[in-house]
Structure formats: C-alpha cells, structure tokens
Protein backbone atom coordinates (compact mmCIF):
# COMPACT_ATOMS: atom_id res chain seq x y z
CA MET A 1 -5.01 1.80 -8.64
CA ALA A 2 -7.02 3.75 -11.16
CA ASP A 3 -9.15 6.51 -9.73
CA ASP A 4 -10.93 9.29 -11.59
CA SER A 5 -9.83 11.79 -8.92
CA VAL A 6 -6.11 11.10 -9.47
CA PRO A 7 -4.45 13.89 -11.48
CA GLU A 8 -2.47 13.36 -14.69
CA PRO A 9 0.81 11.45 -14.01
CA GLY A 10 3.93 13.60 -14.05
CA THR A 11 2.17 16.82 -13.07
CA LYS A 12 2.73 18.75 -9.86
CA ALA A 13 -0.84 17.91 -8.81
CA TRP A 14 -0.09 14.19 -9.32
CA THR A 15 3.03 14.38 -7.13
CA GLU A 16 1.15 16.27 -4.40
CA HIS A 17 -1.73 13.78 -4.53
CA TRP A 18 0.52 10.77 -3.97
CA ALA A 19 2.58 12.54 -1.29
CA LYS A 20 -0.67 13.13 0.64
CA GLU A 21 -1.81 9.50 0.14
CA ILE A 22 1.55 8.20 1.39
CA ARG A 23 1.52 10.49 4.46
CA GLU A 24 -2.01 9.37 5.37
CA ALA A 25 -1.11 5.69 4.93
CA GLN A 26 1.62 5.99 7.59
CA GLU A 27 -0.99 6.88 10.21
CA GLN A 28 -2.91 3.60 9.86
CA THR A 29 -0.90 0.74 11.36
CA THR A 30 -3.68 -1.88 11.42
CA TYR A 31 -6.75 -2.93 9.44
CA LEU A 32 -9.97 -4.28 10.91
CA ILE A 33 -10.95 -7.16 8.63
CA SER A 34 -13.93 -9.37 9.49
CA GLY A 35 -13.65 -8.31 13.12
CA LYS A 36 -9.92 -9.08 13.33
CA SER A 37 -7.25 -6.44 13.89
CA VAL A 38 -4.52 -7.12 11.33
CA ARG A 39 -1.15 -5.42 11.64
CA ARG A 40 0.04 -3.80 8.42
CA VAL A 41 3.40 -4.83 6.96
CA PRO A 42 5.75 -2.09 5.74
CA TYR A 43 7.19 -2.24 2.23
CA GLY A 44 10.34 -4.34 2.30
CA ALA A 45 9.27 -6.40 5.34
CA GLU A 46 6.85 -8.61 3.42
CA PRO A 47 7.81 -12.13 2.31
CA GLY A 48 9.43 -12.33 -1.09
CA ASP A 49 11.53 -9.77 -2.87
CA TRP A 50 9.55 -6.82 -4.21
CA GLY A 51 12.77 -4.83 -4.87
CA ALA A 52 12.45 -2.54 -1.84
CA ASP A 53 16.22 -2.22 -1.52
CA THR A 54 16.51 -0.67 -4.96
CA GLN A 55 13.17 0.92 -5.90
CA PRO A 56 9.85 2.22 -4.59
CA CYS A 57 6.76 0.02 -4.64
CA HIS A 58 5.67 -0.38 -8.25
CA ASP A 59 2.01 0.09 -7.32
CA CYS A 60 1.92 2.93 -4.77
CA ALA A 61 5.44 4.45 -4.81
CA VAL A 62 6.23 4.10 -1.09
CA VAL A 63 9.85 3.44 -0.16
CA LYS A 64 11.28 0.72 2.06
CA GLY A 65 9.94 0.95 5.61
CA GLN A 66 6.78 2.86 4.74
CA TYR A 67 3.26 1.44 4.86
CA HIS A 68 1.68 0.97 1.45
CA VAL A 69 -1.01 3.39 0.30
CA ILE A 70 -4.45 2.04 1.20
CA GLY A 71 -5.60 -0.25 -1.62
CA CYS A 72 -2.11 -1.15 -2.90
CA ASP A 73 -2.06 -4.60 -4.52
CA VAL A 74 1.37 -5.36 -3.05
CA GLU A 75 0.37 -4.99 0.61
CA THR A 76 0.87 -8.35 2.34
CA ALA A 77 -1.54 -8.06 5.29
CA VAL A 78 -4.54 -7.49 3.08
CA ARG A 79 -3.65 -10.25 0.61
CA SER A 80 -3.04 -12.77 3.41
CA VAL A 81 -6.24 -12.09 5.32
CA SER A 82 -8.31 -11.95 2.14
CA ARG A 83 -6.94 -15.35 1.14
CA ASP A 84 -7.62 -16.77 4.62
CA LEU A 85 -11.22 -15.56 4.41
CA GLY A 86 -11.68 -17.19 1.02
CA GLY A 87 -11.37 -14.01 -1.03
CA ARG A 88 -9.24 -13.37 -4.05
CA ARG A 89 -6.76 -10.57 -3.95
C-alpha cells in the first residue's frame, strides 16, 4: 500500500496517519462495485486464516473485527467481486 503521502514508518506522524485511515475505514460498511452493493467483511471473518486471533492485518494493521483500510490487499469483499467481474486482485 505504498503512497507518497504516507509518513516514514515508526514515526508519530506514521502512527497518526494509520489511526486516521483505520477510523475512516470503519465508517464504510459497503462498496458499490459495478452497480452492486457489496458488504465489507471485517478482518477475522473472511475465509481462511489470516492470523486475526494473534496479530493485526499484515497489510493495513487493523485488528480482528475491524474493517480493513480502503485498498487493503487482504480484504475479501473486494477480491471476490473483482474475481467475479473478471478482474485480477
């Protein structure tokens, strides 16, 4: 999830940036993809074991029960719909 506007990892600005991203992600419970409303899946509720019981998401740092930060590669809803529409994600 590289982004030129993301501060240097380990700094206070970095921590504040991700805290804000995580808070904002909790407010969006669905995506509108190709005209379909798709319910988001919280970390730890997706199929497969991503380690939610023991660690935060390796891509966006949310904890079990939180919605992934927008754009997270782990988020199930986006990967599933993208695959159904013929995309690669």
